Amino acid sequence: MPERARRGTASRLPGGSGDLAQLVVDYAKQETLGPLKSLGRFVAFGVLGSSFLAVGVAILLLAGLRALQTETGGTFSGNKSWLPYVATAAAAVSVALLAGWRIGKGPARKGARR
């Protein structure tokens, strides 16, 4: 009896100890690796998309700054040359606040009104 107690419960199963261990390993792989792969794909596309969005917004802000500096004639010349930078910074802060507000609100639901 002491030898039997030392061997554990897996040895008491008739012919199923190896199958049980393999079943547990297969189940663990199915329930951990599958969702982790899906999560990794989700994160990868999210990082890629947000990187493209950040570069695009930066280019648009730079284009807006250059447009204010060159296309407004003499409006922002002399002592007012700093105003295009302030306007561009205000636009950048507005975009950041809008993004933060939307992220804080959560994902949009189809057909649901808030």
C-alpha atoms as a PDB file:
ATOM      1  CA  MET A   1       0.000   0.000   0.000  1.00  0.00           C
ATOM      2  CA  PRO A   2       2.716   2.609   0.740  1.00  0.00           C
ATOM      3  CA  GLU A   3       4.238   1.982  -2.702  1.00  0.00           C
ATOM      4  CA  ARG A   4       0.856   2.516  -4.299  1.00  0.00           C
ATOM      5  CA  ALA A   5       0.369   5.801  -2.442  1.00  0.00           C
ATOM      6  CA  ARG A   6       3.764   6.994  -3.669  1.00  0.00           C
ATOM      7  CA  ARG A   7       2.959   6.335  -7.315  1.00  0.00           C
ATOM      8  CA  GLY A   8       0.044   8.813  -7.300  1.00  0.00           C
ATOM      9  CA  THR A   9      -3.363   8.753  -8.908  1.00  0.00           C
ATOM     10  CA  ALA A  10      -2.145   8.582 -12.512  1.00  0.00           C
ATOM     11  CA  SER A  11      -0.751   5.097 -11.955  1.00  0.00           C
ATOM     12  CA  ARG A  12      -4.115   3.867 -10.684  1.00  0.00           C
ATOM     13  CA  LEU A  13      -5.814   4.560 -14.009  1.00  0.00           C
ATOM     14  CA  PRO A  14      -5.849   1.378 -16.053  1.00  0.00           C
ATOM     15  CA  GLY A  15      -3.902   2.004 -19.284  1.00  0.00           C
ATOM     16  CA  GLY A  16      -4.934   5.648 -19.477  1.00  0.00           C
ATOM     17  CA  SER A  17      -2.130   7.517 -17.761  1.00  0.00           C
ATOM     18  CA  GLY A  18      -0.245   8.305 -20.966  1.00  0.00           C
ATOM     19  CA  ASP A  19      -3.451   9.163 -22.789  1.00  0.00           C
ATOM     20  CA  LEU A  20      -4.567  11.401 -19.936  1.00  0.00           C
ATOM     21  CA  ALA A  21      -1.275  13.279 -19.917  1.00  0.00           C
ATOM     22  CA  GLN A  22      -1.407  13.760 -23.692  1.00  0.00           C
ATOM     23  CA  LEU A  23      -5.035  14.896 -23.450  1.00  0.00           C
ATOM     24  CA  VAL A  24      -4.116  17.496 -20.826  1.00  0.00           C
ATOM     25  CA  VAL A  25      -1.197  18.760 -22.924  1.00  0.00           C
ATOM     26  CA  ASP A  26      -3.320  18.976 -26.067  1.00  0.00           C
ATOM     27  CA  TYR A  27      -6.082  20.784 -24.188  1.00  0.00           C
ATOM     28  CA  ALA A  28      -3.615  23.251 -22.666  1.00  0.00           C
ATOM     29  CA  LYS A  29      -2.163  24.002 -26.110  1.00  0.00           C
ATOM     30  CA  GLN A  30      -5.621  24.458 -27.606  1.00  0.00           C
ATOM     31  CA  GLU A  31      -6.823  26.773 -24.880  1.00  0.00           C
ATOM     32  CA  THR A  32      -3.668  28.882 -24.571  1.00  0.00           C
ATOM     33  CA  LEU A  33      -1.826  28.964 -27.890  1.00  0.00           C
ATOM     34  CA  GLY A  34      -4.893  29.507 -30.073  1.00  0.00           C
ATOM     35  CA  PRO A  35      -6.143  32.578 -28.183  1.00  0.00           C
ATOM     36  CA  LEU A  36      -2.591  33.915 -27.846  1.00  0.00           C
ATOM     37  CA  LYS A  37      -2.084  33.700 -31.613  1.00  0.00           C
ATOM     38  CA  SER A  38      -5.357  35.538 -32.178  1.00  0.00           C
ATOM     39  CA  LEU A  39      -4.389  38.155 -29.605  1.00  0.00           C
ATOM     40  CA  GLY A  40      -0.963  38.569 -31.199  1.00  0.00           C
ATOM     41  CA  ARG A  41      -2.538  39.109 -34.612  1.00  0.00           C
ATOM     42  CA  PHE A  42      -4.975  41.642 -33.132  1.00  0.00           C
ATOM     43  CA  VAL A  43      -2.151  43.543 -31.400  1.00  0.00           C
ATOM     44  CA  ALA A  44       0.057  43.473 -34.507  1.00  0.00           C
ATOM     45  CA  PHE A  45      -2.656  44.953 -36.720  1.00  0.00           C
ATOM     46  CA  GLY A  46      -3.506  47.498 -34.016  1.00  0.00           C
ATOM     47  CA  VAL A  47       0.096  48.671 -33.711  1.00  0.00           C
ATOM     48  CA  LEU A  48       0.500  48.803 -37.480  1.00  0.00           C
ATOM     49  CA  GLY A  49      -2.734  50.757 -37.927  1.00  0.00           C
ATOM     50  CA  SER A  50      -1.993  53.215 -35.143  1.00  0.00           C
ATOM     51  CA  SER A  51       1.509  53.784 -36.536  1.00  0.00           C
ATOM     52  CA  PHE A  52       0.100  54.621 -39.961  1.00  0.00           C
ATOM     53  CA  LEU A  53      -2.487  56.885 -38.370  1.00  0.00           C
ATOM     54  CA  ALA A  54       0.150  58.718 -36.305  1.00  0.00           C
ATOM     55  CA  VAL A  55       2.362  59.295 -39.348  1.00  0.00           C
ATOM     56  CA  GLY A  56      -0.621  60.491 -41.384  1.00  0.00           C
ATOM     57  CA  VAL A  57      -1.767  62.943 -38.699  1.00  0.00           C
ATOM     58  CA  ALA A  58       1.778  64.264 -38.309  1.00  0.00           C
ATOM     59  CA  ILE A  59       2.059  64.846 -42.063  1.00  0.00           C
ATOM     60  CA  LEU A  60      -1.327  66.594 -42.120  1.00  0.00           C
ATOM     61  CA  LEU A  61      -0.312  68.846 -39.219  1.00  0.00           C
ATOM     62  CA  LEU A  62       2.947  69.706 -40.957  1.00  0.00           C
ATOM     63  CA  ALA A  63       1.043  70.456 -44.174  1.00  0.00           C
ATOM     64  CA  GLY A  64      -1.296  72.726 -42.230  1.00  0.00           C
ATOM     65  CA  LEU A  65       1.645  74.561 -40.687  1.00  0.00           C
ATOM     66  CA  ARG A  66       3.326  75.057 -44.059  1.00  0.00           C
ATOM     67  CA  ALA A  67       0.042  76.234 -45.581  1.00  0.00           C
ATOM     68  CA  LEU A  68      -0.418  78.810 -42.817  1.00  0.00           C
ATOM     69  CA  GLN A  69       3.138  80.031 -43.283  1.00  0.00           C
ATOM     70  CA  THR A  70       3.146  80.286 -47.062  1.00  0.00           C
ATOM     71  CA  GLU A  71      -0.419  80.708 -48.326  1.00  0.00           C
ATOM     72  CA  THR A  72      -1.645  83.477 -46.044  1.00  0.00           C
ATOM     73  CA  GLY A  73       0.419  86.217 -47.641  1.00  0.00           C
ATOM     74  CA  GLY A  74       1.817  88.639 -45.107  1.00  0.00           C
ATOM     75  CA  THR A  75      -0.743  87.871 -42.420  1.00  0.00           C
ATOM     76  CA  PHE A  76       1.680  85.954 -40.217  1.00  0.00           C
ATOM     77  CA  SER A  77       4.850  87.941 -40.866  1.00  0.00           C
ATOM     78  CA  GLY A  78       6.996  89.927 -38.491  1.00  0.00           C
ATOM     79  CA  ASN A  79       5.872  89.752 -34.869  1.00  0.00           C
ATOM     80  CA  LYS A  80       3.071  87.319 -35.715  1.00  0.00           C
ATOM     81  CA  SER A  81       5.266  84.574 -37.196  1.00  0.00           C
ATOM     82  CA  TRP A  82       4.675  82.381 -34.140  1.00  0.00           C
ATOM     83  CA  LEU A  83       0.890  82.170 -34.653  1.00  0.00           C
ATOM     84  CA  PRO A  84       0.972  79.317 -37.222  1.00  0.00           C
ATOM     85  CA  TYR A  85       2.882  77.216 -34.684  1.00  0.00           C
ATOM     86  CA  VAL A  86       0.293  77.923 -31.994  1.00  0.00           C
ATOM     87  CA  ALA A  87      -2.543  77.089 -34.388  1.00  0.00           C
ATOM     88  CA  THR A  88      -0.843  73.829 -35.379  1.00  0.00           C
ATOM     89  CA  ALA A  89      -0.191  72.916 -31.736  1.00  0.00           C
ATOM     90  CA  ALA A  90      -3.854  73.650 -30.926  1.00  0.00           C
ATOM     91  CA  ALA A  91      -4.931  71.385 -33.775  1.00  0.00           C
ATOM     92  CA  ALA A  92      -2.625  68.619 -32.518  1.00  0.00           C
ATOM     93  CA  VAL A  93      -4.002  68.925 -28.987  1.00  0.00           C
ATOM     94  CA  SER A  94      -7.545  68.854 -30.368  1.00  0.00           C
ATOM     95  CA  VAL A  95      -6.831  65.651 -32.286  1.00  0.00           C
ATOM     96  CA  ALA A  96      -5.258  64.079 -29.184  1.00  0.00           C
ATOM     97  CA  LEU A  97      -8.223  65.070 -26.990  1.00  0.00           C
ATOM     98  CA  LEU A  98     -10.676  63.733 -29.550  1.00  0.00           C
ATOM     99  CA  ALA A  99      -8.805  60.427 -29.715  1.00  0.00           C
ATOM    100  CA  GLY A 100      -8.630  60.184 -25.910  1.00  0.00           C
ATOM    101  CA  TRP A 101     -12.324  60.938 -25.565  1.00  0.00           C
ATOM    102  CA  ARG A 102     -13.210  58.304 -28.149  1.00  0.00           C
ATOM    103  CA  ILE A 103     -10.925  55.686 -26.593  1.00  0.00           C
ATOM    104  CA  GLY A 104     -12.407  56.376 -23.157  1.00  0.00           C
ATOM    105  CA  LYS A 105     -15.924  55.977 -24.517  1.00  0.00           C
ATOM    106  CA  GLY A 106     -15.245  52.392 -25.614  1.00  0.00           C
ATOM    107  CA  PRO A 107     -15.979  50.534 -28.812  1.00  0.00           C
ATOM    108  CA  ALA A 108     -18.986  51.539 -30.858  1.00  0.00           C
ATOM    109  CA  ARG A 109     -21.861  49.059 -30.942  1.00  0.00           C
ATOM    110  CA  LYS A 110     -23.776  48.416 -34.114  1.00  0.00           C
ATOM    111  CA  GLY A 111     -27.322  49.646 -33.896  1.00  0.00           C
ATOM    112  CA  ALA A 112     -26.915  51.030 -30.368  1.00  0.00           C
ATOM    113  CA  ARG A 113     -27.495  54.684 -29.602  1.00  0.00           C
ATOM    114  CA  ARG A 114     -25.742  56.447 -26.774  1.00  0.00           C
END
